[in-house]
Amino acid sequence: MPKTSARLLSLLSLLQARRDWPGALLAERLDVSPRTVRRDVDRLRELGYPIVAFKGPDGGYRLDAGSELPPLLFDDEQAVALAVALQIATTTGAGIEEAAARALTTVRQVMPARLRRRIDTLKFTAVEPPEARQAPQVDSGVLITLSAAVHAREVLRFDYTPVHPPGGDAAATPPRRVQPHHLITWGGRWYLVAFDLDREDWRTFRADRITPRIPAGPRFTPRELPGGEVAAFVAGRFLGSDGWGDWPCRGEVILDLPAAEVSRYSRDAVVEELGPNRCRLVLGSWSWPALAAAVGRFDADMEVVGPVELQDAFALLARRYANAAADARAMRPPVE
């Protein structure tokens, strides 16, 4: 029979592996008597583990939720996954960075040497765009409140601070009433995707500008998100489209450049080779002038295939550039 301490750890590991355990099966797995299982369960309860007994033909035990967090056991895969998740958590902007770093140190200290070596060799850096590194922190309590409202499908009321507050009494601005749908991260910031009840439209709110009001509103039946997929919807909103994950302006041109050269600088565009020094380019942008300017940066002769809005944008930029050149010539001192 294994020593009591080792047997307790084995029992705890089994209780964490599945919800309900018949007492006879636990006794068989531990190679002890049912009476010993009962004594070991009592010892774990004394250590703070909320183990409840359930009745039935087989009778047994369940590790339940308690008021305090007792020591936990993790297998090797769980321990490595936890360490990786904690490293990522130090860059989330959720206001838990310091706690995540301390938790990672604690987890690493109690790991066996073989797992510490795996963790130490699994060092990585979460690369974020510059704007993400400057993103404001979000109170973890706010995130918990938003997430709870999403999960409970309860109408959420909150005060929302705009980017550029209008004049007047900010306190007089009525609270927003929304049906929360998803809590997401994008570019280092946290956002709430919700249906605005007063504006009768879908909106995306920055979590760092949300101040929840208590209590929450009534429960609701979730609406179908446009497009049905939250990632595509949010991508579309940030690109300025109607929520289908595409640029609001998309055009096609033919460039007198090799396709291989153009594709290196085209990112999400479509490049098709038409010859040794000729290619078709289809790309999108926020506006038609911005799209025309993006094509112009390739510094090559081109043909606009369409649409007509892109042709008009090239004409607009041509006038602007011509006026700027004329102004620059007018400001030059006369040549003697």
Protein backbone atom coordinates (compact mmCIF):
# COMPACT_ATOMS: atom_id res chain seq x y z
CA MET A 1 0.00 0.00 0.00
CA PRO A 2 1.45 3.42 -0.86
CA LYS A 3 2.23 5.87 1.91
CA THR A 4 -0.60 8.13 3.03
CA SER A 5 0.84 11.31 1.48
CA ALA A 6 1.40 9.65 -1.88
CA ARG A 7 -2.05 8.06 -1.73
CA LEU A 8 -3.68 11.44 -0.99
CA LEU A 9 -2.02 12.97 -4.02
CA SER A 10 -3.18 10.06 -6.19
CA LEU A 11 -6.72 10.42 -4.86
CA LEU A 12 -6.72 14.17 -5.52
CA SER A 13 -5.44 13.62 -9.05
CA LEU A 14 -8.26 11.15 -9.75
CA LEU A 15 -10.90 13.52 -8.36
CA GLN A 16 -9.64 16.30 -10.65
CA ALA A 17 -9.71 14.04 -13.71
CA ARG A 18 -13.50 13.49 -13.81
CA ARG A 19 -16.61 14.85 -12.16
CA ASP A 20 -18.05 11.84 -10.30
CA TRP A 21 -16.18 8.86 -8.90
CA PRO A 22 -17.96 5.81 -7.41
CA GLY A 23 -16.37 4.92 -4.09
CA ALA A 24 -15.75 1.30 -5.09
CA LEU A 25 -13.96 2.40 -8.27
CA LEU A 26 -11.72 4.79 -6.34
CA ALA A 27 -10.83 2.01 -3.94
CA GLU A 28 -10.00 -0.28 -6.86
CA ARG A 29 -7.84 2.36 -8.62
CA LEU A 30 -5.93 3.12 -5.41
CA ASP A 31 -5.75 -0.56 -4.36
CA VAL A 32 -7.18 0.19 -0.92
CA SER A 33 -10.42 -0.54 0.94
CA PRO A 34 -13.51 1.69 0.72
CA ARG A 35 -12.95 2.56 4.38
CA THR A 36 -9.47 3.89 3.57
CA VAL A 37 -10.94 5.99 0.76
CA ARG A 38 -13.40 7.54 3.23
CA ARG A 39 -10.57 8.39 5.65
CA ASP A 40 -8.47 9.89 2.86
CA VAL A 41 -11.41 11.98 1.68
CA ASP A 42 -11.79 13.34 5.21
CA ARG A 43 -8.08 14.25 5.27
CA LEU A 44 -8.41 16.15 1.98
CA ARG A 45 -11.42 18.00 3.38
CA GLU A 46 -9.34 19.07 6.37
CA LEU A 47 -6.78 20.50 3.91
CA GLY A 48 -9.48 22.64 2.30
CA TYR A 49 -10.60 20.54 -0.65
CA PRO A 50 -14.40 20.74 -1.07
CA ILE A 51 -15.18 17.07 -1.66
CA VAL A 52 -18.85 16.15 -1.49
CA ALA A 53 -20.37 12.70 -1.27
CA PHE A 54 -23.25 11.80 -3.55
CA LYS A 55 -25.83 9.09 -3.03
CA GLY A 56 -26.98 6.48 -5.46
CA PRO A 57 -26.59 2.81 -6.29
CA ASP A 58 -22.81 3.15 -6.40
CA GLY A 59 -22.31 6.13 -4.08
CA GLY A 60 -19.21 8.18 -4.52
CA TYR A 61 -17.38 11.50 -4.36
CA ARG A 62 -17.06 14.72 -6.32
CA LEU A 63 -14.52 17.56 -6.11
CA ASP A 64 -16.76 20.62 -5.87
CA ALA A 65 -16.18 24.37 -5.97
CA GLY A 66 -15.35 25.98 -2.62
CA SER A 67 -14.94 29.40 -1.05
CA GLU A 68 -11.14 29.25 -1.08
CA LEU A 69 -8.57 28.05 -3.61
CA PRO A 70 -6.82 24.92 -2.30
CA PRO A 71 -3.56 23.57 -3.74
CA LEU A 72 -4.01 22.11 -7.22
CA LEU A 73 -2.37 19.29 -9.11
CA PHE A 74 -1.44 19.49 -12.80
CA ASP A 75 -0.11 16.83 -15.11
CA ASP A 76 2.92 17.62 -17.28
CA GLU A 77 0.93 18.87 -20.28
CA GLN A 78 -1.29 21.06 -18.10
CA ALA A 79 1.70 22.57 -16.32
CA VAL A 80 3.43 23.50 -19.59
CA ALA A 81 0.20 24.93 -21.03
CA LEU A 82 -0.33 26.99 -17.88
CA ALA A 83 3.19 28.44 -18.05
CA VAL A 84 2.77 29.40 -21.72
CA ALA A 85 -0.62 31.00 -21.01
CA LEU A 86 0.85 33.02 -18.14
CA GLN A 87 3.65 34.31 -20.36
CA ILE A 88 1.07 35.48 -22.90
CA ALA A 89 -1.07 37.01 -20.14
CA THR A 90 1.74 39.44 -19.26
CA THR A 91 1.08 41.25 -22.58
CA THR A 92 -2.74 41.31 -22.71
CA GLY A 93 -3.37 44.81 -21.39
CA ALA A 94 -6.04 43.37 -19.10
CA GLY A 95 -4.53 44.83 -15.93
CA ILE A 96 -3.28 41.41 -14.76
CA GLU A 97 0.29 41.61 -16.06
CA GLU A 98 1.98 41.82 -12.65
CA ALA A 99 -0.21 39.07 -11.20
CA ALA A 100 0.50 36.84 -14.21
CA ALA A 101 4.25 37.35 -13.83
CA ARG A 102 4.07 36.45 -10.12
CA ALA A 103 1.94 33.40 -10.86
CA LEU A 104 4.42 32.26 -13.51
CA THR A 105 7.26 32.52 -10.98
CA THR A 106 5.24 30.52 -8.43
CA VAL A 107 4.34 27.80 -10.93
CA ARG A 108 7.94 27.48 -12.12
CA GLN A 109 9.30 27.17 -8.57
CA VAL A 110 7.15 24.13 -7.74
CA MET A 111 7.71 22.36 -11.04
CA PRO A 112 9.98 19.32 -11.16
CA ALA A 113 13.34 19.88 -12.85
CA ARG A 114 12.31 18.14 -16.07
CA LEU A 115 9.37 20.52 -16.54
CA ARG A 116 11.39 23.61 -15.58
CA ARG A 117 13.82 22.76 -18.37
CA ARG A 118 10.95 22.53 -20.86
CA ILE A 119 9.57 25.89 -19.73
CA ASP A 120 12.97 27.58 -19.78
CA THR A 121 13.57 26.47 -23.36
CA LEU A 122 10.10 27.69 -24.37
CA LYS A 123 10.89 31.39 -24.16
CA PHE A 124 9.14 33.62 -26.65
CA THR A 125 8.22 37.25 -27.18
CA ALA A 126 4.70 38.40 -27.97
CA VAL A 127 5.26 40.96 -30.73
CA GLU A 128 2.67 43.73 -30.85
CA PRO A 129 2.31 46.80 -33.05
CA PRO A 130 3.50 50.10 -31.52
CA GLU A 131 -0.07 51.29 -30.97
CA ALA A 132 -0.78 48.13 -28.97
CA ARG A 133 2.11 48.83 -26.60
CA GLN A 134 0.59 52.26 -25.93
CA ALA A 135 -2.90 50.88 -25.37
CA PRO A 136 -4.50 51.93 -22.07
CA GLN A 137 -4.91 49.35 -19.34
CA VAL A 138 -8.35 47.92 -18.61
CA ASP A 139 -9.47 47.23 -15.07
CA SER A 140 -9.79 43.47 -14.64
CA GLY A 141 -13.05 44.02 -12.75
CA VAL A 142 -14.54 45.70 -15.83
CA LEU A 143 -13.53 42.75 -18.00
CA ILE A 144 -15.11 40.31 -15.55
CA THR A 145 -18.34 42.35 -15.52
CA LEU A 146 -18.49 42.48 -19.32
CA SER A 147 -17.71 38.80 -19.67
CA ALA A 148 -20.34 37.89 -17.08
CA ALA A 149 -22.99 39.91 -18.95
CA VAL A 150 -22.06 38.17 -22.22
CA HIS A 151 -22.30 34.76 -20.57
CA ALA A 152 -25.57 35.50 -18.72
CA ARG A 153 -27.12 37.21 -21.80
CA GLU A 154 -28.14 40.20 -19.70
CA VAL A 155 -28.69 43.74 -20.98
CA LEU A 156 -25.70 45.84 -19.96
CA ARG A 157 -25.85 49.51 -18.95
CA PHE A 158 -22.68 51.57 -18.87
CA ASP A 159 -21.23 55.06 -19.20
CA TYR A 160 -19.01 55.41 -22.24
CA THR A 161 -16.25 57.99 -22.59
CA PRO A 162 -15.83 59.02 -26.26
CA VAL A 163 -12.44 59.66 -27.87
CA HIS A 164 -13.13 63.37 -28.17
CA PRO A 165 -15.67 64.29 -25.48
CA PRO A 166 -18.19 66.86 -26.71
CA GLY A 167 -18.74 70.13 -24.90
CA GLY A 168 -21.25 70.37 -22.09
CA ASP A 169 -21.90 68.31 -19.00
CA ALA A 170 -20.45 64.82 -19.53
CA ALA A 171 -22.48 63.53 -16.59
CA ALA A 172 -25.68 64.43 -18.45
CA THR A 173 -24.91 61.92 -21.21
CA PRO A 174 -27.35 59.01 -20.85
CA PRO A 175 -25.87 55.56 -20.29
CA ARG A 176 -25.66 53.12 -23.15
CA ARG A 177 -27.97 50.10 -23.15
CA VAL A 178 -26.68 47.13 -25.10
CA GLN A 179 -27.09 43.42 -25.57
CA PRO A 180 -23.49 42.16 -25.14
CA HIS A 181 -22.41 39.58 -27.68
CA HIS A 182 -18.62 39.07 -27.47
CA LEU A 183 -15.60 40.33 -25.53
CA ILE A 184 -12.54 40.36 -27.80
CA THR A 185 -8.95 41.62 -28.04
CA TRP A 186 -7.67 43.43 -31.12
CA GLY A 187 -4.27 45.12 -31.51
CA GLY A 188 -3.59 45.04 -27.77
CA ARG A 189 -6.98 46.57 -26.84
CA TRP A 190 -10.14 45.00 -25.42
CA TYR A 191 -13.48 45.55 -27.15
CA LEU A 192 -17.10 44.69 -26.45
CA VAL A 193 -19.19 43.71 -29.46
CA ALA A 194 -22.84 44.44 -28.69
CA PHE A 195 -26.20 45.43 -30.14
CA ASP A 196 -27.02 49.02 -29.10
CA LEU A 197 -30.70 49.08 -28.11
CA ASP A 198 -31.10 52.85 -28.42
CA ARG A 199 -29.39 53.12 -31.82
CA GLU A 200 -30.80 49.79 -33.03
CA ASP A 201 -27.50 48.75 -34.58
CA TRP A 202 -24.39 46.74 -33.83
CA ARG A 203 -21.53 48.61 -32.16
CA THR A 204 -17.96 47.92 -31.02
CA PHE A 205 -16.96 49.60 -27.73
CA ARG A 206 -13.48 49.98 -26.25
CA ALA A 207 -13.46 48.34 -22.84
CA ASP A 208 -11.10 50.92 -21.30
CA ARG A 209 -13.80 53.59 -21.87
CA ILE A 210 -16.60 51.56 -20.30
CA THR A 211 -17.83 52.18 -16.75
CA PRO A 212 -20.49 49.55 -16.00
CA ARG A 213 -23.64 50.48 -14.12
CA ILE A 214 -25.20 48.17 -11.57
CA PRO A 215 -27.48 46.29 -11.68
CA ALA A 216 -27.57 44.71 -15.10
CA GLY A 217 -30.76 44.68 -17.14
CA PRO A 218 -33.09 41.82 -18.07
CA ARG A 219 -32.05 38.70 -19.94
CA PHE A 220 -32.39 38.63 -23.71
CA THR A 221 -32.42 36.22 -26.61
CA PRO A 222 -29.14 36.67 -28.58
CA ARG A 223 -29.41 38.19 -32.06
CA GLU A 224 -27.56 36.81 -35.03
CA LEU A 225 -24.34 38.74 -35.66
CA PRO A 226 -24.02 40.09 -39.24
CA GLY A 227 -22.00 37.56 -41.18
CA GLY A 228 -22.36 35.06 -38.34
CA GLU A 229 -18.66 35.11 -37.40
CA VAL A 230 -17.33 37.59 -34.84
CA ALA A 231 -13.75 37.78 -36.18
CA ALA A 232 -14.91 38.67 -39.70
CA PHE A 233 -17.44 41.14 -38.32
CA VAL A 234 -14.89 42.98 -36.18
CA ALA A 235 -12.29 43.00 -38.95
CA GLY A 236 -14.85 44.51 -41.29
CA ARG A 237 -15.83 47.20 -38.81
CA PHE A 238 -12.23 48.24 -38.28
CA LEU A 239 -11.73 48.35 -42.05
CA GLY A 240 -14.81 50.53 -42.41
CA SER A 241 -17.06 48.05 -44.19
CA ASP A 242 -20.49 46.72 -43.23
CA GLY A 243 -19.15 43.85 -41.22
CA TRP A 244 -18.18 41.28 -43.85
CA GLY A 245 -14.41 41.54 -43.31
CA ASP A 246 -13.57 43.48 -46.52
CA TRP A 247 -12.21 46.93 -47.40
CA PRO A 248 -14.90 49.52 -48.19
CA CYS A 249 -13.06 50.43 -51.43
CA ARG A 250 -11.49 47.84 -53.72
CA GLY A 251 -10.06 48.39 -57.20
CA GLU A 252 -8.03 46.80 -59.96
CA VAL A 253 -5.07 48.15 -61.93
CA ILE A 254 -2.39 46.83 -64.30
CA LEU A 255 1.19 47.79 -63.42
CA ASP A 256 4.29 47.76 -65.60
CA LEU A 257 6.23 45.86 -62.96
CA PRO A 258 7.06 42.18 -62.33
CA ALA A 259 4.52 40.38 -60.17
CA ALA A 260 7.25 39.11 -57.83
CA GLU A 261 8.35 42.67 -57.06
CA VAL A 262 4.82 43.96 -56.46
CA SER A 263 3.77 41.04 -54.26
CA ARG A 264 6.59 41.77 -51.77
CA TYR A 265 4.89 45.04 -50.83
CA SER A 266 1.23 44.17 -51.30
CA ARG A 267 0.31 42.34 -48.07
CA ASP A 268 -3.40 41.43 -48.44
CA ALA A 269 -3.66 42.34 -52.15
CA VAL A 270 -4.05 39.91 -55.06
CA VAL A 271 -1.23 40.00 -57.61
CA GLU A 272 -1.46 38.18 -60.94
CA GLU A 273 1.44 37.88 -63.37
CA LEU A 274 0.60 39.01 -66.92
CA GLY A 275 4.12 38.97 -68.37
CA PRO A 276 7.81 39.42 -67.48
CA ASN A 277 7.26 43.08 -66.47
CA ARG A 278 3.50 43.36 -66.19
CA CYS A 279 0.99 42.30 -63.51
CA ARG A 280 -2.57 42.76 -62.38
CA LEU A 281 -3.08 44.19 -58.86
CA VAL A 282 -6.35 44.05 -56.89
CA LEU A 283 -6.30 45.72 -53.49
CA GLY A 284 -8.44 47.67 -51.05
CA SER A 285 -8.24 50.70 -48.80
CA TRP A 286 -10.24 53.03 -46.57
CA SER A 287 -11.19 55.44 -49.37
CA TRP A 288 -10.75 55.81 -53.13
CA PRO A 289 -8.07 58.57 -52.86
CA ALA A 290 -6.19 56.41 -50.33
CA LEU A 291 -6.41 53.47 -52.72
CA ALA A 292 -5.10 55.57 -55.62
CA ALA A 293 -2.22 56.83 -53.46
CA ALA A 294 -1.39 53.23 -52.44
CA VAL A 295 -1.12 52.22 -56.09
CA GLY A 296 0.97 55.28 -56.90
CA ARG A 297 3.67 54.29 -54.47
CA PHE A 298 4.80 51.55 -56.86
CA ASP A 299 6.27 54.29 -59.10
CA ALA A 300 5.35 52.67 -62.41
CA ASP A 301 3.14 53.24 -65.44
CA MET A 302 -0.32 51.81 -64.90
CA GLU A 303 -3.75 51.23 -66.37
CA VAL A 304 -6.87 51.53 -64.24
CA VAL A 305 -9.21 48.63 -64.89
CA GLY A 306 -11.89 49.87 -62.51
CA PRO A 307 -14.13 50.86 -60.97
CA VAL A 308 -14.84 54.40 -62.12
CA GLU A 309 -14.48 55.67 -58.53
CA LEU A 310 -10.83 54.69 -58.66
CA GLN A 311 -10.34 56.56 -61.95
CA ASP A 312 -11.93 59.65 -60.40
CA ALA A 313 -9.65 59.33 -57.38
CA PHE A 314 -6.57 59.33 -59.65
CA ALA A 315 -7.89 62.49 -61.34
CA LEU A 316 -8.43 64.11 -57.94
CA LEU A 317 -4.90 63.29 -56.79
CA ALA A 318 -3.49 64.53 -60.11
CA ARG A 319 -5.13 67.93 -59.56
CA ARG A 320 -3.92 68.07 -55.98
CA TYR A 321 -0.34 67.19 -56.91
CA ALA A 322 -0.37 69.64 -59.82
CA ASN A 323 -1.58 72.44 -57.55
CA ALA A 324 1.04 71.57 -54.95
CA ALA A 325 3.78 71.64 -57.63
CA ALA A 326 2.53 75.00 -58.93
CA ASP A 327 2.54 76.46 -55.43
CA ALA A 328 6.07 75.18 -54.88
CA ARG A 329 7.30 76.79 -58.13
CA ALA A 330 5.63 80.09 -57.21
CA MET A 331 7.48 80.16 -53.90
CA ARG A 332 10.91 79.69 -55.48
CA PRO A 333 13.12 82.82 -55.60
CA PRO A 334 13.72 84.21 -59.09
CA VAL A 335 16.87 83.05 -60.84
CA GLU A 336 19.19 85.93 -61.81
